[in-house]
Amino acid sequence: MSTIDLYIILNPSQMRACRASGFREIQPETVAQQFLFLKVNREHAEGIAQSWTAKHYGAAYVVRLSVSESLLDKCKKLSVAYKEHEEYRLKINDLPVLCWYLRGLLTVVTVYWEPRPQQIGEVVSFG
């Protein structure tokens, strides 16, 4: 089975839950969240993390997921404007399915901190 690397942006609360799961699970940002957006391009995920998530929550974590390519059959592929902005939309109800297709642990690839966030957020330590 071939795998593909996708990227997701987590806020501090989501990162704490991810760490508590042993880097095996992702929690929704809010209870009202309907979709999870899995970015194809790491640089695109990093741009959003730095320019929006870190400014809003105080920290942003770009996480790599290596998943079986068959997961993509269950997702809708979208693009905001350019090929670099491609992402897969997964229904939040399908998070257990995502865990099934996960190959290995979730990996934090980039962390951004914002000294003056709009909301008070706690930075998650890995030490």
C-alpha atoms as a PDB file:
ATOM      1  CA  MET A   1       0.000   0.000   0.000  1.00  0.00           C
ATOM      2  CA  SER A   2       1.468   3.370  -0.957  1.00  0.00           C
ATOM      3  CA  THR A   3       1.381   6.336   1.389  1.00  0.00           C
ATOM      4  CA  ILE A   4       1.131  10.086   0.976  1.00  0.00           C
ATOM      5  CA  ASP A   5       2.187  12.851   3.348  1.00  0.00           C
ATOM      6  CA  LEU A   6      -0.463  15.446   4.173  1.00  0.00           C
ATOM      7  CA  TYR A   7      -0.329  18.381   6.604  1.00  0.00           C
ATOM      8  CA  ILE A   8      -2.702  19.785   9.174  1.00  0.00           C
ATOM      9  CA  ILE A   9      -2.506  22.874  11.366  1.00  0.00           C
ATOM     10  CA  LEU A  10      -3.243  22.449  15.064  1.00  0.00           C
ATOM     11  CA  ASN A  11      -3.856  25.080  17.718  1.00  0.00           C
ATOM     12  CA  PRO A  12      -2.476  24.612  21.275  1.00  0.00           C
ATOM     13  CA  SER A  13      -5.587  22.841  22.556  1.00  0.00           C
ATOM     14  CA  GLN A  14      -5.557  20.398  19.646  1.00  0.00           C
ATOM     15  CA  MET A  15      -1.813  19.852  20.096  1.00  0.00           C
ATOM     16  CA  ARG A  16      -2.283  18.955  23.781  1.00  0.00           C
ATOM     17  CA  ALA A  17      -4.914  16.374  22.788  1.00  0.00           C
ATOM     18  CA  CYS A  18      -2.671  15.031  20.016  1.00  0.00           C
ATOM     19  CA  ARG A  19       0.257  14.694  22.412  1.00  0.00           C
ATOM     20  CA  ALA A  20      -1.969  13.008  25.019  1.00  0.00           C
ATOM     21  CA  SER A  21      -3.006  10.433  22.388  1.00  0.00           C
ATOM     22  CA  GLY A  22       0.632   9.517  21.780  1.00  0.00           C
ATOM     23  CA  PHE A  23       0.563  11.424  18.459  1.00  0.00           C
ATOM     24  CA  ARG A  24      -2.052   9.033  17.061  1.00  0.00           C
ATOM     25  CA  GLU A  25      -5.200  11.196  16.996  1.00  0.00           C
ATOM     26  CA  ILE A  26      -6.454  14.623  15.954  1.00  0.00           C
ATOM     27  CA  GLN A  27      -9.277  16.419  17.733  1.00  0.00           C
ATOM     28  CA  PRO A  28     -11.570  18.964  16.035  1.00  0.00           C
ATOM     29  CA  GLU A  29     -10.872  22.637  16.684  1.00  0.00           C
ATOM     30  CA  THR A  30     -14.425  23.173  17.977  1.00  0.00           C
ATOM     31  CA  VAL A  31     -17.468  20.992  18.607  1.00  0.00           C
ATOM     32  CA  ALA A  32     -19.205  22.770  15.721  1.00  0.00           C
ATOM     33  CA  GLN A  33     -16.417  21.946  13.237  1.00  0.00           C
ATOM     34  CA  GLN A  34     -17.757  19.890  10.327  1.00  0.00           C
ATOM     35  CA  PHE A  35     -14.636  19.249   8.254  1.00  0.00           C
ATOM     36  CA  LEU A  36     -10.926  18.680   8.645  1.00  0.00           C
ATOM     37  CA  PHE A  37      -8.741  20.114   5.881  1.00  0.00           C
ATOM     38  CA  LEU A  38      -5.644  18.081   5.043  1.00  0.00           C
ATOM     39  CA  LYS A  39      -3.153  20.206   3.103  1.00  0.00           C
ATOM     40  CA  VAL A  40      -1.140  18.671   0.279  1.00  0.00           C
ATOM     41  CA  ASN A  41       1.619  21.296   0.354  1.00  0.00           C
ATOM     42  CA  ARG A  42       3.664  21.836   3.513  1.00  0.00           C
ATOM     43  CA  GLU A  43       4.514  25.447   2.618  1.00  0.00           C
ATOM     44  CA  HIS A  44       0.829  26.260   2.227  1.00  0.00           C
ATOM     45  CA  ALA A  45       0.087  24.801   5.671  1.00  0.00           C
ATOM     46  CA  GLU A  46       3.003  26.745   7.164  1.00  0.00           C
ATOM     47  CA  GLY A  47       1.756  29.995   5.618  1.00  0.00           C
ATOM     48  CA  ILE A  48      -1.683  29.579   7.188  1.00  0.00           C
ATOM     49  CA  ALA A  49      -0.196  28.502  10.508  1.00  0.00           C
ATOM     50  CA  GLN A  50       2.069  31.533  10.682  1.00  0.00           C
ATOM     51  CA  SER A  51      -0.279  34.179   9.314  1.00  0.00           C
ATOM     52  CA  TRP A  52      -3.517  33.109  10.989  1.00  0.00           C
ATOM     53  CA  THR A  53      -3.450  30.301  13.566  1.00  0.00           C
ATOM     54  CA  ALA A  54      -0.430  31.533  15.558  1.00  0.00           C
ATOM     55  CA  LYS A  55      -1.742  35.100  15.580  1.00  0.00           C
ATOM     56  CA  HIS A  56      -5.149  33.930  16.783  1.00  0.00           C
ATOM     57  CA  TYR A  57      -4.163  31.237  19.316  1.00  0.00           C
ATOM     58  CA  GLY A  58      -0.619  32.202  20.310  1.00  0.00           C
ATOM     59  CA  ALA A  59       0.923  29.122  18.720  1.00  0.00           C
ATOM     60  CA  ALA A  60       0.426  26.952  15.653  1.00  0.00           C
ATOM     61  CA  TYR A  61       1.712  23.465  14.952  1.00  0.00           C
ATOM     62  CA  VAL A  62       2.101  22.092  11.437  1.00  0.00           C
ATOM     63  CA  VAL A  63       1.760  18.328  11.677  1.00  0.00           C
ATOM     64  CA  ARG A  64       2.610  15.751   9.019  1.00  0.00           C
ATOM     65  CA  LEU A  65       0.337  12.733   8.608  1.00  0.00           C
ATOM     66  CA  SER A  66       1.533   9.811   6.531  1.00  0.00           C
ATOM     67  CA  VAL A  67      -1.605   8.046   5.358  1.00  0.00           C
ATOM     68  CA  SER A  68      -2.515   5.281   2.973  1.00  0.00           C
ATOM     69  CA  GLU A  69      -3.428   6.782  -0.405  1.00  0.00           C
ATOM     70  CA  SER A  70      -6.740   4.886  -0.277  1.00  0.00           C
ATOM     71  CA  LEU A  71      -7.916   7.435   2.326  1.00  0.00           C
ATOM     72  CA  LEU A  72      -8.084  10.014  -0.462  1.00  0.00           C
ATOM     73  CA  ASP A  73     -10.999   8.110  -2.024  1.00  0.00           C
ATOM     74  CA  LYS A  74     -13.043   9.100   1.041  1.00  0.00           C
ATOM     75  CA  CYS A  75     -12.138  12.795   0.848  1.00  0.00           C
ATOM     76  CA  LYS A  76     -13.143  15.622  -1.441  1.00  0.00           C
ATOM     77  CA  LYS A  77     -10.210  17.366  -3.127  1.00  0.00           C
ATOM     78  CA  LEU A  78     -10.377  21.176  -3.119  1.00  0.00           C
ATOM     79  CA  SER A  79      -8.173  24.058  -4.176  1.00  0.00           C
ATOM     80  CA  VAL A  80      -8.477  27.634  -2.977  1.00  0.00           C
ATOM     81  CA  ALA A  81      -6.718  29.122  -5.986  1.00  0.00           C
ATOM     82  CA  TYR A  82      -3.505  27.393  -7.008  1.00  0.00           C
ATOM     83  CA  LYS A  83      -2.185  23.838  -7.185  1.00  0.00           C
ATOM     84  CA  GLU A  84      -0.027  24.658  -4.142  1.00  0.00           C
ATOM     85  CA  HIS A  85      -3.266  25.277  -2.193  1.00  0.00           C
ATOM     86  CA  GLU A  86      -4.775  21.838  -2.789  1.00  0.00           C
ATOM     87  CA  GLU A  87      -6.293  20.125   0.212  1.00  0.00           C
ATOM     88  CA  TYR A  88      -8.524  17.208   1.049  1.00  0.00           C
ATOM     89  CA  ARG A  89     -11.703  17.762   3.028  1.00  0.00           C
ATOM     90  CA  LEU A  90     -12.580  15.014   5.485  1.00  0.00           C
ATOM     91  CA  LYS A  91     -15.821  14.993   7.468  1.00  0.00           C
ATOM     92  CA  ILE A  92     -15.203  15.273  11.213  1.00  0.00           C
ATOM     93  CA  ASN A  93     -17.350  12.169  11.704  1.00  0.00           C
ATOM     94  CA  ASP A  94     -14.694  10.308   9.692  1.00  0.00           C
ATOM     95  CA  LEU A  95     -11.830  11.080  12.121  1.00  0.00           C
ATOM     96  CA  PRO A  96     -11.763   7.414  13.251  1.00  0.00           C
ATOM     97  CA  VAL A  97     -11.336   6.486   9.570  1.00  0.00           C
ATOM     98  CA  LEU A  98      -8.345   8.839   9.371  1.00  0.00           C
ATOM     99  CA  CYS A  99      -6.752   7.029  12.320  1.00  0.00           C
ATOM    100  CA  TRP A 100      -7.296   3.705  10.528  1.00  0.00           C
ATOM    101  CA  TYR A 101      -5.413   4.932   7.430  1.00  0.00           C
ATOM    102  CA  LEU A 102      -2.621   6.598   9.422  1.00  0.00           C
ATOM    103  CA  ARG A 103       0.806   5.035   8.846  1.00  0.00           C
ATOM    104  CA  GLY A 104       3.061   5.788  11.790  1.00  0.00           C
ATOM    105  CA  LEU A 105       2.738   8.625  14.270  1.00  0.00           C
ATOM    106  CA  LEU A 106       1.760  12.220  13.610  1.00  0.00           C
ATOM    107  CA  THR A 107       4.900  14.339  13.329  1.00  0.00           C
ATOM    108  CA  VAL A 108       5.260  18.011  14.265  1.00  0.00           C
ATOM    109  CA  VAL A 109       7.279  19.605  11.453  1.00  0.00           C
ATOM    110  CA  THR A 110       6.995  23.332  12.247  1.00  0.00           C
ATOM    111  CA  VAL A 111       5.940  25.422  15.253  1.00  0.00           C
ATOM    112  CA  TYR A 112       5.057  29.133  15.210  1.00  0.00           C
ATOM    113  CA  TRP A 113       4.631  31.381  18.253  1.00  0.00           C
ATOM    114  CA  GLU A 114       3.008  34.780  18.331  1.00  0.00           C
ATOM    115  CA  PRO A 115       4.029  37.046  21.223  1.00  0.00           C
ATOM    116  CA  ARG A 116       0.679  38.868  21.287  1.00  0.00           C
ATOM    117  CA  PRO A 117      -2.111  36.484  20.267  1.00  0.00           C
ATOM    118  CA  GLN A 118      -5.693  37.626  19.934  1.00  0.00           C
ATOM    119  CA  GLN A 119      -6.673  34.911  22.392  1.00  0.00           C
ATOM    120  CA  ILE A 120      -4.662  33.634  25.299  1.00  0.00           C
ATOM    121  CA  GLY A 121      -3.175  30.307  24.285  1.00  0.00           C
ATOM    122  CA  GLU A 122      -0.812  27.965  26.025  1.00  0.00           C
ATOM    123  CA  VAL A 123       2.248  26.799  24.118  1.00  0.00           C
ATOM    124  CA  VAL A 124       2.670  23.034  24.232  1.00  0.00           C
ATOM    125  CA  SER A 125       6.093  21.808  25.270  1.00  0.00           C
ATOM    126  CA  PHE A 126       7.652  18.645  23.907  1.00  0.00           C
ATOM    127  CA  GLY A 127      10.335  18.338  26.577  1.00  0.00           C
END
